[in-house]
C-alpha atoms as a PDB file:
ATOM      1  CA  UNK A   1      20.147  49.671  54.860  1.00  0.00           C
ATOM      2  CA  UNK A   2      18.907  49.843  58.433  1.00  0.00           C
ATOM      3  CA  UNK A   3      22.422  48.933  59.649  1.00  0.00           C
ATOM      4  CA  UNK A   4      23.860  51.920  57.757  1.00  0.00           C
ATOM      5  CA  UNK A   5      21.239  54.220  59.261  1.00  0.00           C
ATOM      6  CA  UNK A   6      21.874  52.932  62.775  1.00  0.00           C
ATOM      7  CA  UNK A   7      25.564  53.791  62.353  1.00  0.00           C
ATOM      8  CA  UNK A   8      25.025  56.941  60.285  1.00  0.00           C
ATOM      9  CA  UNK A   9      27.524  58.957  62.311  1.00  0.00           C
ATOM     10  CA  UNK A  10      30.315  56.707  60.971  1.00  0.00           C
ATOM     11  CA  UNK A  11      29.740  57.881  57.391  1.00  0.00           C
ATOM     12  CA  UNK A  12      30.340  61.147  55.539  1.00  0.00           C
ATOM     13  CA  UNK A  13      26.938  62.511  54.522  1.00  0.00           C
ATOM     14  CA  UNK A  14      26.364  65.554  52.308  1.00  0.00           C
ATOM     15  CA  UNK A  15      23.559  68.089  52.539  1.00  0.00           C
ATOM     16  CA  UNK A  16      22.382  69.445  49.161  1.00  0.00           C
ATOM     17  CA  UNK A  17      19.834  72.262  48.988  1.00  0.00           C
ATOM     18  CA  UNK A  18      16.690  70.180  48.628  1.00  0.00           C
ATOM     19  CA  UNK A  19      16.263  68.864  52.176  1.00  0.00           C
ATOM     20  CA  UNK A  20      18.002  65.536  52.106  1.00  0.00           C
ATOM     21  CA  UNK A  21      21.098  63.803  53.385  1.00  0.00           C
ATOM     22  CA  UNK A  22      23.105  61.987  50.735  1.00  0.00           C
ATOM     23  CA  UNK A  23      25.579  59.169  51.302  1.00  0.00           C
ATOM     24  CA  UNK A  24      27.648  58.083  48.298  1.00  0.00           C
ATOM     25  CA  UNK A  25      28.148  54.310  48.416  1.00  0.00           C
ATOM     26  CA  UNK A  26      29.735  53.905  44.989  1.00  0.00           C
ATOM     27  CA  UNK A  27      31.158  57.144  43.531  1.00  0.00           C
ATOM     28  CA  UNK A  28      28.944  58.602  40.793  1.00  0.00           C
ATOM     29  CA  UNK A  29      26.750  55.486  40.706  1.00  0.00           C
ATOM     30  CA  UNK A  30      24.976  54.501  43.958  1.00  0.00           C
ATOM     31  CA  UNK A  31      23.737  56.857  46.661  1.00  0.00           C
ATOM     32  CA  UNK A  32      21.459  56.741  49.701  1.00  0.00           C
ATOM     33  CA  UNK A  33      19.115  59.699  50.248  1.00  0.00           C
ATOM     34  CA  UNK A  34      17.238  60.444  53.481  1.00  0.00           C
ATOM     35  CA  UNK A  35      14.725  63.301  53.206  1.00  0.00           C
ATOM     36  CA  UNK A  36      13.681  65.896  55.792  1.00  0.00           C
ATOM     37  CA  UNK A  37      11.796  68.979  54.575  1.00  0.00           C
ATOM     38  CA  UNK A  38      12.909  71.322  57.358  1.00  0.00           C
ATOM     39  CA  UNK A  39      16.430  71.287  55.863  1.00  0.00           C
ATOM     40  CA  UNK A  40      15.260  72.423  52.425  1.00  0.00           C
ATOM     41  CA  UNK A  41      16.837  75.798  51.674  1.00  0.00           C
ATOM     42  CA  UNK A  42      14.460  78.594  50.764  1.00  0.00           C
ATOM     43  CA  UNK A  43      14.551  79.716  47.161  1.00  0.00           C
ATOM     44  CA  UNK A  44      15.755  76.411  45.756  1.00  0.00           C
ATOM     45  CA  UNK A  45      13.996  75.198  42.640  1.00  0.00           C
ATOM     46  CA  UNK A  46      12.119  71.921  42.968  1.00  0.00           C
ATOM     47  CA  UNK A  47      11.231  71.223  39.310  1.00  0.00           C
ATOM     48  CA  UNK A  48      14.342  70.138  37.423  1.00  0.00           C
ATOM     49  CA  UNK A  49      15.986  67.732  35.019  1.00  0.00           C
ATOM     50  CA  UNK A  50      19.077  65.536  35.436  1.00  0.00           C
ATOM     51  CA  UNK A  51      22.175  64.889  33.373  1.00  0.00           C
ATOM     52  CA  UNK A  52      21.778  61.118  33.735  1.00  0.00           C
ATOM     53  CA  UNK A  53      18.954  58.644  34.110  1.00  0.00           C
ATOM     54  CA  UNK A  54      18.506  56.812  37.397  1.00  0.00           C
ATOM     55  CA  UNK A  55      16.470  54.227  39.267  1.00  0.00           C
ATOM     56  CA  UNK A  56      15.277  55.136  42.777  1.00  0.00           C
ATOM     57  CA  UNK A  57      14.182  52.354  45.119  1.00  0.00           C
ATOM     58  CA  UNK A  58      12.068  53.376  48.107  1.00  0.00           C
ATOM     59  CA  UNK A  59      13.679  51.639  51.087  1.00  0.00           C
ATOM     60  CA  UNK A  60      11.365  53.225  53.659  1.00  0.00           C
ATOM     61  CA  UNK A  61       8.731  55.929  53.372  1.00  0.00           C
ATOM     62  CA  UNK A  62       6.617  57.382  50.602  1.00  0.00           C
ATOM     63  CA  UNK A  63       7.665  59.324  47.488  1.00  0.00           C
ATOM     64  CA  UNK A  64       5.350  61.313  45.239  1.00  0.00           C
ATOM     65  CA  UNK A  65       6.719  61.836  41.756  1.00  0.00           C
ATOM     66  CA  UNK A  66       5.509  64.749  39.624  1.00  0.00           C
ATOM     67  CA  UNK A  67       6.552  64.469  35.977  1.00  0.00           C
ATOM     68  CA  UNK A  68       6.156  67.272  33.448  1.00  0.00           C
ATOM     69  CA  UNK A  69       6.066  67.385  29.663  1.00  0.00           C
ATOM     70  CA  UNK A  70       6.734  70.376  27.488  1.00  0.00           C
ATOM     71  CA  UNK A  71       3.601  71.717  25.803  1.00  0.00           C
ATOM     72  CA  UNK A  72       2.937  73.868  22.815  1.00  0.00           C
ATOM     73  CA  UNK A  73       0.748  76.731  23.950  1.00  0.00           C
ATOM     74  CA  UNK A  74      -2.771  76.556  22.538  1.00  0.00           C
ATOM     75  CA  UNK A  75      -4.070  79.849  23.936  1.00  0.00           C
ATOM     76  CA  UNK A  76      -3.026  82.892  25.962  1.00  0.00           C
ATOM     77  CA  UNK A  77      -4.912  81.523  29.016  1.00  0.00           C
ATOM     78  CA  UNK A  78      -3.054  78.224  28.739  1.00  0.00           C
ATOM     79  CA  UNK A  79       0.245  80.108  28.616  1.00  0.00           C
ATOM     80  CA  UNK A  80      -0.448  82.001  31.846  1.00  0.00           C
ATOM     81  CA  UNK A  81      -1.792  78.943  33.669  1.00  0.00           C
ATOM     82  CA  UNK A  82       1.108  76.641  32.832  1.00  0.00           C
ATOM     83  CA  UNK A  83       4.066  78.863  32.108  1.00  0.00           C
ATOM     84  CA  UNK A  84       7.446  78.436  33.733  1.00  0.00           C
ATOM     85  CA  UNK A  85      10.845  79.995  33.455  1.00  0.00           C
ATOM     86  CA  UNK A  86      13.625  77.633  32.447  1.00  0.00           C
ATOM     87  CA  UNK A  87      17.350  78.131  32.827  1.00  0.00           C
ATOM     88  CA  UNK A  88      20.272  75.806  32.274  1.00  0.00           C
ATOM     89  CA  UNK A  89      22.722  75.072  35.056  1.00  0.00           C
ATOM     90  CA  UNK A  90      26.206  73.770  34.252  1.00  0.00           C
ATOM     91  CA  UNK A  91      27.667  70.788  36.101  1.00  0.00           C
ATOM     92  CA  UNK A  92      29.855  73.120  38.150  1.00  0.00           C
ATOM     93  CA  UNK A  93      26.777  74.959  39.458  1.00  0.00           C
ATOM     94  CA  UNK A  94      26.802  78.067  37.247  1.00  0.00           C
ATOM     95  CA  UNK A  95      23.728  79.511  35.557  1.00  0.00           C
ATOM     96  CA  UNK A  96      24.079  79.485  31.787  1.00  0.00           C
ATOM     97  CA  UNK A  97      22.428  81.997  29.480  1.00  0.00           C
ATOM     98  CA  UNK A  98      19.218  83.851  30.224  1.00  0.00           C
ATOM     99  CA  UNK A  99      15.969  82.366  31.547  1.00  0.00           C
ATOM    100  CA  UNK A 100      13.409  81.543  28.868  1.00  0.00           C
ATOM    101  CA  UNK A 101       9.681  80.909  29.045  1.00  0.00           C
ATOM    102  CA  UNK A 102       8.335  77.420  28.520  1.00  0.00           C
ATOM    103  CA  UNK A 103       5.031  75.667  29.003  1.00  0.00           C
ATOM    104  CA  UNK A 104       4.865  72.467  31.071  1.00  0.00           C
ATOM    105  CA  UNK A 105       1.971  70.073  31.593  1.00  0.00           C
ATOM    106  CA  UNK A 106       2.007  68.042  34.805  1.00  0.00           C
ATOM    107  CA  UNK A 107       1.305  64.343  34.370  1.00  0.00           C
ATOM    108  CA  UNK A 108      -0.722  62.321  36.928  1.00  0.00           C
ATOM    109  CA  UNK A 109       1.078  62.146  40.277  1.00  0.00           C
ATOM    110  CA  UNK A 110       2.756  58.803  40.954  1.00  0.00           C
ATOM    111  CA  UNK A 111       3.020  57.464  44.525  1.00  0.00           C
ATOM    112  CA  UNK A 112       5.688  54.951  45.559  1.00  0.00           C
ATOM    113  CA  UNK A 113       6.018  53.135  48.898  1.00  0.00           C
ATOM    114  CA  UNK A 114       8.688  50.947  50.489  1.00  0.00           C
ATOM    115  CA  UNK A 115       9.781  48.124  48.178  1.00  0.00           C
ATOM    116  CA  UNK A 116       8.748  49.985  45.013  1.00  0.00           C
ATOM    117  CA  UNK A 117      10.892  51.962  42.595  1.00  0.00           C
ATOM    118  CA  UNK A 118      10.638  54.517  39.825  1.00  0.00           C
ATOM    119  CA  UNK A 119      12.971  55.527  37.020  1.00  0.00           C
ATOM    120  CA  UNK A 120      13.781  58.965  35.666  1.00  0.00           C
ATOM    121  CA  UNK A 121      15.296  59.324  32.191  1.00  0.00           C
ATOM    122  CA  UNK A 122      18.121  61.777  31.520  1.00  0.00           C
ATOM    123  CA  UNK A 123      16.664  65.229  30.782  1.00  0.00           C
ATOM    124  CA  UNK A 124      13.194  64.213  32.054  1.00  0.00           C
ATOM    125  CA  UNK A 125      11.525  67.101  33.888  1.00  0.00           C
ATOM    126  CA  UNK A 126      10.245  66.163  37.333  1.00  0.00           C
ATOM    127  CA  UNK A 127       9.799  67.063  40.984  1.00  0.00           C
ATOM    128  CA  UNK A 128      10.161  64.540  43.813  1.00  0.00           C
ATOM    129  CA  UNK A 129       8.045  65.130  46.927  1.00  0.00           C
ATOM    130  CA  UNK A 130       8.998  62.687  49.699  1.00  0.00           C
ATOM    131  CA  UNK A 131       7.416  62.351  53.111  1.00  0.00           C
ATOM    132  CA  UNK A 132       9.829  63.256  55.892  1.00  0.00           C
ATOM    133  CA  UNK A 133      12.143  60.389  56.792  1.00  0.00           C
ATOM    134  CA  UNK A 134      11.829  58.689  53.404  1.00  0.00           C
ATOM    135  CA  UNK A 135      14.934  56.681  52.468  1.00  0.00           C
ATOM    136  CA  UNK A 136      15.860  55.919  48.858  1.00  0.00           C
ATOM    137  CA  UNK A 137      18.632  53.965  47.170  1.00  0.00           C
ATOM    138  CA  UNK A 138      19.512  55.567  43.832  1.00  0.00           C
ATOM    139  CA  UNK A 139      21.453  53.900  41.044  1.00  0.00           C
ATOM    140  CA  UNK A 140      22.584  56.288  38.325  1.00  0.00           C
ATOM    141  CA  UNK A 141      22.621  55.129  34.698  1.00  0.00           C
ATOM    142  CA  UNK A 142      25.358  56.806  32.654  1.00  0.00           C
ATOM    143  CA  UNK A 143      24.125  56.388  29.094  1.00  0.00           C
ATOM    144  CA  UNK A 144      24.842  59.928  27.886  1.00  0.00           C
ATOM    145  CA  UNK A 145      27.584  62.517  28.141  1.00  0.00           C
ATOM    146  CA  UNK A 146      26.250  64.989  30.764  1.00  0.00           C
ATOM    147  CA  UNK A 147      26.627  68.696  30.013  1.00  0.00           C
ATOM    148  CA  UNK A 148      24.035  70.610  32.026  1.00  0.00           C
ATOM    149  CA  UNK A 149      20.625  70.366  33.666  1.00  0.00           C
ATOM    150  CA  UNK A 150      17.588  72.636  33.581  1.00  0.00           C
ATOM    151  CA  UNK A 151      15.789  74.281  36.466  1.00  0.00           C
ATOM    152  CA  UNK A 152      12.178  75.452  36.279  1.00  0.00           C
ATOM    153  CA  UNK A 153      10.192  77.861  38.406  1.00  0.00           C
ATOM    154  CA  UNK A 154       6.638  79.225  38.045  1.00  0.00           C
ATOM    155  CA  UNK A 155       6.189  82.081  35.647  1.00  0.00           C
ATOM    156  CA  UNK A 156       5.847  85.593  37.000  1.00  0.00           C
ATOM    157  CA  UNK A 157       6.992  88.716  35.190  1.00  0.00           C
ATOM    158  CA  UNK A 158      10.759  88.766  35.597  1.00  0.00           C
ATOM    159  CA  UNK A 159      12.309  91.916  37.009  1.00  0.00           C
ATOM    160  CA  UNK A 160      15.350  93.179  35.112  1.00  0.00           C
ATOM    161  CA  UNK A 161      18.398  91.196  36.204  1.00  0.00           C
ATOM    162  CA  UNK A 162      16.368  88.692  38.269  1.00  0.00           C
ATOM    163  CA  UNK A 163      17.334  85.031  38.141  1.00  0.00           C
ATOM    164  CA  UNK A 164      16.794  81.858  40.141  1.00  0.00           C
ATOM    165  CA  UNK A 165      19.124  80.727  42.867  1.00  0.00           C
ATOM    166  CA  UNK A 166      22.176  78.950  41.513  1.00  0.00           C
ATOM    167  CA  UNK A 167      22.988  75.377  42.334  1.00  0.00           C
ATOM    168  CA  UNK A 168      24.114  75.002  45.897  1.00  0.00           C
ATOM    169  CA  UNK A 169      27.103  72.686  46.005  1.00  0.00           C
ATOM    170  CA  UNK A 170      26.595  69.937  48.618  1.00  0.00           C
ATOM    171  CA  UNK A 171      28.503  70.390  51.861  1.00  0.00           C
ATOM    172  CA  UNK A 172      29.423  67.843  54.549  1.00  0.00           C
ATOM    173  CA  UNK A 173      26.508  67.445  56.955  1.00  0.00           C
ATOM    174  CA  UNK A 174      26.901  68.505  60.581  1.00  0.00           C
ATOM    175  CA  UNK A 175      26.592  65.696  63.135  1.00  0.00           C
ATOM    176  CA  UNK A 176      23.443  67.305  64.631  1.00  0.00           C
ATOM    177  CA  UNK A 177      21.743  67.337  61.211  1.00  0.00           C
ATOM    178  CA  UNK A 178      22.701  63.709  60.564  1.00  0.00           C
ATOM    179  CA  UNK A 179      21.334  62.639  63.968  1.00  0.00           C
ATOM    180  CA  UNK A 180      18.091  64.586  63.464  1.00  0.00           C
ATOM    181  CA  UNK A 181      17.332  63.348  59.935  1.00  0.00           C
ATOM    182  CA  UNK A 182      18.316  59.723  60.571  1.00  0.00           C
ATOM    183  CA  UNK A 183      16.346  59.653  63.827  1.00  0.00           C
ATOM    184  CA  UNK A 184      13.237  60.746  61.897  1.00  0.00           C
ATOM    185  CA  UNK A 185      13.765  58.015  59.296  1.00  0.00           C
ATOM    186  CA  UNK A 186      14.371  55.247  61.845  1.00  0.00           C
ATOM    187  CA  UNK A 187      11.453  56.158  64.101  1.00  0.00           C
ATOM    188  CA  UNK A 188       9.002  56.700  61.218  1.00  0.00           C
ATOM    189  CA  UNK A 189       9.762  53.866  58.787  1.00  0.00           C
ATOM    190  CA  UNK A 190      11.890  51.161  60.458  1.00  0.00           C
END
């Protein structure tokens, strides 16, 4: 992995909205992610689900994993304290339907360091919070027929016509961004 990072400029990296560089090693199966929070786009939703399950190995760095479970609301106070909006997002990045309220309970935070891994099941609700420079190797597990994912954001009264930001389709990363993010990863973790 270090050899790939040292020659990062020779590869085509993508920049999704959540502050990471992504390099596809095996189309739709294996990817390398390198995280840097300053490239996270404002207004993007961090709590989400996936269309497929995956295993993420921490190559360098630290990853905090926040998992959420749907809850049945026991009281009005519980609803306000743990309510979120949920909206489906199609695979082509379009919002589907109207946002709906849901109640999520956060599970204990999991912390993973270099050499460790975690797995996320298809449709599992989670939020990944990496330290800057963290490098992961993700292997996707296609066990289902993907249709859409869900995005979640904290509940506040929704103004008429308001909705979350749509999915931002990954774009090729600029050489300056690649150099900056990879430099952080190499100097911090390798």
